[in-house]
Amino acid sequence: ECLKESPLAEREFPSLLGDLVGAIARTSVYSVDKTVLNGNEVDAINYPSVDRPRILINRTRWLDDRLTNSMRALLVFHEYLSIAGYDDSSYKISYMCIQEVKNCLNQNQEGK
């Protein structure tokens, strides 16, 4: 409920939450040994095709101890935003999403 009332959802991207839910519902996610894009190993690759969108996660990089849970969450939002049709190449939108989720979690903790 908190996310529906967030400034991000209300003002900046009114359809963002619904778009993300739709992207999550229709996307398959796979863990693979390695993901390479343009000759470079990357954390993940998404394929937002209309009929079967999918995300490939680089298993080795995902399991790297240097990757924090916040960094993993940022990556997940980033990949799903691309599937939903948002240009998040700079991670700006995914970072704002993470901040909103953290704010909502903090509000829920304070309300207990």
N, C-alpha and C. Protein backbone atom coordinates (compact mmCIF):
# COMPACT_ATOMS: atom_id res chain seq x y z
N GLU A 1 0.84 -1.20 0.00
CA GLU A 1 0.00 0.00 0.00
C GLU A 1 0.88 1.25 0.00
N CYS A 2 1.93 1.21 0.78
CA CYS A 2 2.83 2.35 0.88
C CYS A 2 3.41 2.72 -0.49
N LEU A 3 3.79 1.72 -1.28
CA LEU A 3 4.38 2.01 -2.58
C LEU A 3 3.40 2.69 -3.53
N LYS A 4 2.11 2.35 -3.42
CA LYS A 4 1.10 2.97 -4.28
C LYS A 4 0.99 4.46 -4.01
N GLU A 5 1.32 4.89 -2.78
CA GLU A 5 1.19 6.29 -2.40
C GLU A 5 2.52 7.03 -2.45
N SER A 6 3.56 6.38 -2.91
CA SER A 6 4.88 7.01 -2.92
C SER A 6 4.95 8.10 -3.98
N PRO A 7 5.81 9.11 -3.77
CA PRO A 7 5.99 10.16 -4.78
C PRO A 7 6.41 9.60 -6.13
N LEU A 8 7.22 8.56 -6.12
CA LEU A 8 7.68 7.95 -7.36
C LEU A 8 6.50 7.43 -8.18
N ALA A 9 5.61 6.72 -7.53
CA ALA A 9 4.45 6.13 -8.23
C ALA A 9 3.42 7.19 -8.59
N GLU A 10 3.21 8.16 -7.71
CA GLU A 10 2.15 9.15 -7.95
C GLU A 10 2.53 10.21 -8.96
N ARG A 11 3.73 10.77 -8.83
CA ARG A 11 4.08 11.92 -9.66
C ARG A 11 4.95 11.58 -10.86
N GLU A 12 6.04 10.86 -10.61
CA GLU A 12 7.03 10.69 -11.66
C GLU A 12 6.66 9.61 -12.67
N PHE A 13 6.17 8.48 -12.19
CA PHE A 13 5.84 7.37 -13.06
C PHE A 13 4.53 6.75 -12.58
N PRO A 14 3.40 7.36 -12.92
CA PRO A 14 2.12 6.89 -12.39
C PRO A 14 1.80 5.43 -12.69
N SER A 15 2.29 4.89 -13.78
CA SER A 15 1.97 3.51 -14.11
C SER A 15 3.10 2.54 -13.75
N LEU A 16 4.13 3.04 -13.09
CA LEU A 16 5.31 2.23 -12.81
C LEU A 16 5.00 0.96 -12.04
N LEU A 17 4.25 1.05 -10.97
CA LEU A 17 3.98 -0.12 -10.14
C LEU A 17 3.24 -1.20 -10.93
N GLY A 18 2.21 -0.81 -11.67
CA GLY A 18 1.47 -1.76 -12.49
C GLY A 18 2.34 -2.36 -13.58
N ASP A 19 3.19 -1.53 -14.18
CA ASP A 19 4.09 -2.02 -15.23
C ASP A 19 5.07 -3.05 -14.66
N LEU A 20 5.59 -2.77 -13.46
CA LEU A 20 6.52 -3.71 -12.83
C LEU A 20 5.83 -5.04 -12.49
N VAL A 21 4.64 -4.96 -11.93
CA VAL A 21 3.90 -6.17 -11.60
C VAL A 21 3.65 -7.00 -12.87
N GLY A 22 3.28 -6.34 -13.95
CA GLY A 22 3.06 -7.03 -15.22
C GLY A 22 4.34 -7.67 -15.75
N ALA A 23 5.45 -6.94 -15.65
CA ALA A 23 6.74 -7.48 -16.12
C ALA A 23 7.15 -8.70 -15.30
N ILE A 24 6.95 -8.63 -14.00
CA ILE A 24 7.30 -9.76 -13.13
C ILE A 24 6.45 -10.98 -13.48
N ALA A 25 5.17 -10.75 -13.70
CA ALA A 25 4.24 -11.86 -13.97
C ALA A 25 4.55 -12.58 -15.28
N ARG A 26 5.03 -11.87 -16.29
CA ARG A 26 5.20 -12.50 -17.60
C ARG A 26 6.64 -12.87 -17.94
N THR A 27 7.58 -12.61 -17.04
CA THR A 27 9.00 -12.83 -17.33
C THR A 27 9.53 -14.09 -16.66
N SER A 28 10.27 -14.87 -17.42
CA SER A 28 10.98 -16.02 -16.87
C SER A 28 12.40 -15.58 -16.51
N VAL A 29 12.90 -16.07 -15.39
CA VAL A 29 14.25 -15.72 -14.94
C VAL A 29 15.07 -16.99 -14.84
N TYR A 30 16.27 -16.95 -15.40
CA TYR A 30 17.15 -18.11 -15.40
C TYR A 30 18.51 -17.73 -14.83
N SER A 31 19.10 -18.65 -14.10
CA SER A 31 20.45 -18.50 -13.58
C SER A 31 21.38 -19.27 -14.52
N VAL A 32 22.40 -18.59 -15.04
CA VAL A 32 23.34 -19.23 -15.97
C VAL A 32 24.76 -18.99 -15.48
N ASP A 33 25.69 -19.81 -15.99
CA ASP A 33 27.08 -19.70 -15.53
C ASP A 33 27.71 -18.35 -15.85
N LYS A 34 27.39 -17.81 -17.01
CA LYS A 34 28.04 -16.57 -17.45
C LYS A 34 27.13 -15.82 -18.39
N THR A 35 27.09 -14.49 -18.27
CA THR A 35 26.34 -13.66 -19.21
C THR A 35 27.32 -12.69 -19.86
N VAL A 36 27.31 -12.66 -21.18
CA VAL A 36 28.24 -11.82 -21.94
C VAL A 36 27.43 -10.95 -22.89
N LEU A 37 27.71 -9.66 -22.85
CA LEU A 37 27.04 -8.69 -23.73
C LEU A 37 28.11 -7.85 -24.41
N ASN A 38 28.09 -7.84 -25.72
CA ASN A 38 29.09 -7.09 -26.51
C ASN A 38 30.52 -7.43 -26.10
N GLY A 39 30.78 -8.71 -25.84
CA GLY A 39 32.12 -9.17 -25.50
C GLY A 39 32.52 -8.98 -24.04
N ASN A 40 31.64 -8.41 -23.23
CA ASN A 40 31.96 -8.17 -21.82
C ASN A 40 31.05 -8.98 -20.91
N GLU A 41 31.63 -9.58 -19.87
CA GLU A 41 30.82 -10.29 -18.89
C GLU A 41 30.02 -9.26 -18.09
N VAL A 42 28.73 -9.52 -17.91
CA VAL A 42 27.83 -8.62 -17.21
C VAL A 42 27.06 -9.39 -16.14
N ASP A 43 26.41 -8.65 -15.24
CA ASP A 43 25.65 -9.27 -14.15
C ASP A 43 24.40 -9.97 -14.64
N ALA A 44 23.76 -9.43 -15.66
CA ALA A 44 22.52 -10.00 -16.17
C ALA A 44 22.24 -9.43 -17.56
N ILE A 45 21.39 -10.15 -18.28
CA ILE A 45 20.92 -9.69 -19.59
C ILE A 45 19.42 -9.93 -19.62
N ASN A 46 18.68 -8.94 -20.14
CA ASN A 46 17.24 -9.15 -20.29
C ASN A 46 16.86 -9.14 -21.76
N TYR A 47 15.84 -9.92 -22.04
CA TYR A 47 15.31 -10.03 -23.40
C TYR A 47 13.81 -9.70 -23.34
N PRO A 48 13.46 -8.45 -23.59
CA PRO A 48 12.06 -8.02 -23.42
C PRO A 48 11.17 -8.32 -24.63
N SER A 49 11.34 -9.48 -25.25
CA SER A 49 10.49 -9.80 -26.39
C SER A 49 9.04 -9.88 -25.94
N VAL A 50 8.14 -9.56 -26.82
CA VAL A 50 6.72 -9.46 -26.49
C VAL A 50 6.15 -10.81 -26.06
N ASP A 51 6.50 -11.88 -26.75
CA ASP A 51 5.87 -13.17 -26.46
C ASP A 51 6.49 -13.92 -25.28
N ARG A 52 7.80 -13.84 -25.07
CA ARG A 52 8.44 -14.57 -23.97
C ARG A 52 9.60 -13.79 -23.36
N PRO A 53 9.33 -12.74 -22.59
CA PRO A 53 10.43 -12.00 -21.99
C PRO A 53 11.18 -12.88 -20.99
N ARG A 54 12.50 -12.67 -20.93
CA ARG A 54 13.28 -13.43 -19.97
C ARG A 54 14.49 -12.63 -19.49
N ILE A 55 14.98 -13.04 -18.32
CA ILE A 55 16.17 -12.43 -17.72
C ILE A 55 17.15 -13.55 -17.43
N LEU A 56 18.39 -13.37 -17.84
CA LEU A 56 19.46 -14.30 -17.51
C LEU A 56 20.35 -13.65 -16.47
N ILE A 57 20.49 -14.31 -15.33
CA ILE A 57 21.33 -13.80 -14.23
C ILE A 57 22.65 -14.57 -14.23
N ASN A 58 23.74 -13.85 -14.16
CA ASN A 58 25.07 -14.45 -14.08
C ASN A 58 25.24 -15.03 -12.67
N ARG A 59 25.18 -16.35 -12.57
CA ARG A 59 25.20 -17.03 -11.28
C ARG A 59 26.48 -16.73 -10.49
N THR A 60 27.62 -16.75 -11.14
CA THR A 60 28.89 -16.51 -10.47
C THR A 60 28.93 -15.12 -9.85
N ARG A 61 28.49 -14.14 -10.60
CA ARG A 61 28.51 -12.77 -10.09
C ARG A 61 27.44 -12.57 -9.02
N TRP A 62 26.28 -13.20 -9.17
CA TRP A 62 25.20 -13.08 -8.19
C TRP A 62 25.65 -13.62 -6.83
N LEU A 63 26.42 -14.71 -6.84
CA LEU A 63 26.86 -15.35 -5.61
C LEU A 63 28.12 -14.75 -5.02
N ASP A 64 28.72 -13.79 -5.71
CA ASP A 64 29.92 -13.14 -5.22
C ASP A 64 29.62 -12.44 -3.89
N ASP A 65 30.43 -12.73 -2.87
CA ASP A 65 30.22 -12.15 -1.54
C ASP A 65 30.31 -10.62 -1.51
N ARG A 66 30.97 -10.05 -2.48
CA ARG A 66 31.08 -8.58 -2.52
C ARG A 66 29.78 -7.91 -2.94
N LEU A 67 28.87 -8.67 -3.53
CA LEU A 67 27.58 -8.13 -3.96
C LEU A 67 26.62 -8.15 -2.77
N THR A 68 26.20 -6.98 -2.32
CA THR A 68 25.31 -6.89 -1.17
C THR A 68 23.87 -7.17 -1.60
N ASN A 69 23.01 -7.41 -0.63
CA ASN A 69 21.59 -7.62 -0.95
C ASN A 69 20.98 -6.39 -1.59
N SER A 70 21.40 -5.21 -1.18
CA SER A 70 20.90 -3.98 -1.81
C SER A 70 21.32 -3.91 -3.27
N MET A 71 22.54 -4.34 -3.56
CA MET A 71 23.01 -4.34 -4.94
C MET A 71 22.24 -5.36 -5.77
N ARG A 72 21.92 -6.50 -5.17
CA ARG A 72 21.13 -7.51 -5.87
C ARG A 72 19.72 -6.97 -6.16
N ALA A 73 19.13 -6.31 -5.17
CA ALA A 73 17.79 -5.75 -5.37
C ALA A 73 17.81 -4.69 -6.47
N LEU A 74 18.85 -3.87 -6.49
CA LEU A 74 18.99 -2.85 -7.53
C LEU A 74 19.05 -3.50 -8.91
N LEU A 75 19.81 -4.57 -9.02
CA LEU A 75 19.92 -5.29 -10.29
C LEU A 75 18.57 -5.87 -10.72
N VAL A 76 17.85 -6.46 -9.78
CA VAL A 76 16.54 -7.05 -10.09
C VAL A 76 15.58 -5.98 -10.60
N PHE A 77 15.49 -4.85 -9.89
CA PHE A 77 14.62 -3.75 -10.36
C PHE A 77 15.05 -3.29 -11.75
N HIS A 78 16.35 -3.14 -11.94
CA HIS A 78 16.88 -2.66 -13.22
C HIS A 78 16.45 -3.58 -14.38
N GLU A 79 16.58 -4.87 -14.18
CA GLU A 79 16.24 -5.81 -15.24
C GLU A 79 14.73 -5.81 -15.52
N TYR A 80 13.92 -5.81 -14.47
CA TYR A 80 12.47 -5.80 -14.68
C TYR A 80 12.00 -4.47 -15.28
N LEU A 81 12.62 -3.36 -14.93
CA LEU A 81 12.25 -2.08 -15.53
C LEU A 81 12.49 -2.11 -17.04
N SER A 82 13.58 -2.73 -17.45
CA SER A 82 13.86 -2.85 -18.89
C SER A 82 12.79 -3.69 -19.57
N ILE A 83 12.39 -4.78 -18.93
CA ILE A 83 11.33 -5.64 -19.48
C ILE A 83 10.03 -4.83 -19.59
N ALA A 84 9.78 -3.95 -18.61
CA ALA A 84 8.55 -3.15 -18.59
C ALA A 84 8.60 -1.98 -19.58
N GLY A 85 9.76 -1.78 -20.23
CA GLY A 85 9.85 -0.74 -21.24
C GLY A 85 10.43 0.58 -20.78
N TYR A 86 11.01 0.61 -19.59
CA TYR A 86 11.61 1.84 -19.07
C TYR A 86 13.09 1.88 -19.41
N ASP A 87 13.60 3.07 -19.75
CA ASP A 87 15.02 3.23 -19.99
C ASP A 87 15.70 3.49 -18.64
N ASP A 88 16.31 2.46 -18.11
CA ASP A 88 16.99 2.56 -16.82
C ASP A 88 18.49 2.31 -16.99
N SER A 89 19.02 2.74 -18.14
CA SER A 89 20.43 2.46 -18.45
C SER A 89 21.38 3.07 -17.42
N SER A 90 20.97 4.12 -16.75
CA SER A 90 21.82 4.74 -15.73
C SER A 90 21.48 4.27 -14.32
N TYR A 91 20.54 3.35 -14.19
CA TYR A 91 20.07 2.80 -12.90
C TYR A 91 19.34 3.84 -12.05
N LYS A 92 19.00 4.99 -12.62
CA LYS A 92 18.34 6.05 -11.86
C LYS A 92 16.97 5.62 -11.34
N ILE A 93 16.16 5.02 -12.20
CA ILE A 93 14.81 4.62 -11.79
C ILE A 93 14.88 3.48 -10.79
N SER A 94 15.74 2.50 -11.05
CA SER A 94 15.84 1.37 -10.12
C SER A 94 16.34 1.84 -8.76
N TYR A 95 17.25 2.80 -8.74
CA TYR A 95 17.72 3.34 -7.46
C TYR A 95 16.57 4.03 -6.71
N MET A 96 15.76 4.80 -7.43
CA MET A 96 14.60 5.45 -6.79
C MET A 96 13.62 4.41 -6.26
N CYS A 97 13.43 3.33 -6.99
CA CYS A 97 12.54 2.26 -6.53
C CYS A 97 13.06 1.66 -5.23
N ILE A 98 14.35 1.39 -5.17
CA ILE A 98 14.95 0.82 -3.95
C ILE A 98 14.75 1.77 -2.78
N GLN A 99 14.95 3.06 -3.02
CA GLN A 99 14.77 4.05 -1.94
C GLN A 99 13.33 4.04 -1.44
N GLU A 100 12.37 3.95 -2.36
CA GLU A 100 10.96 3.93 -1.97
C GLU A 100 10.63 2.67 -1.16
N VAL A 101 11.16 1.53 -1.59
CA VAL A 101 10.92 0.29 -0.84
C VAL A 101 11.50 0.41 0.56
N LYS A 102 12.72 0.94 0.67
CA LYS A 102 13.34 1.11 1.99
C LYS A 102 12.51 2.05 2.86
N ASN A 103 12.01 3.14 2.29
CA ASN A 103 11.18 4.07 3.05
C ASN A 103 9.92 3.39 3.56
N CYS A 104 9.29 2.58 2.70
CA CYS A 104 8.08 1.86 3.11
C CYS A 104 8.38 0.85 4.21
N LEU A 105 9.48 0.14 4.07
CA LEU A 105 9.86 -0.82 5.10
C LEU A 105 10.11 -0.12 6.43
N ASN A 106 10.78 1.02 6.38
CA ASN A 106 11.03 1.79 7.61
C ASN A 106 9.73 2.27 8.23
N GLN A 107 8.80 2.73 7.41
CA GLN A 107 7.49 3.18 7.93
C GLN A 107 6.75 2.03 8.59
N ASN A 108 6.82 0.85 7.96
CA ASN A 108 6.15 -0.32 8.54
C ASN A 108 6.79 -0.71 9.87
N GLN A 109 8.11 -0.64 9.97
CA GLN A 109 8.80 -0.96 11.20
C GLN A 109 8.45 0.03 12.31
N GLU A 110 8.35 1.30 11.97
CA GLU A 110 8.02 2.34 12.96
C GLU A 110 6.57 2.21 13.42
N GLY A 111 5.71 1.69 12.55
CA GLY A 111 4.28 1.57 12.87
C GLY A 111 3.97 0.39 13.78
N LYS A 112 4.94 -0.50 13.98
CA LYS A 112 4.69 -1.71 14.80
C LYS A 112 4.79 -1.39 16.27
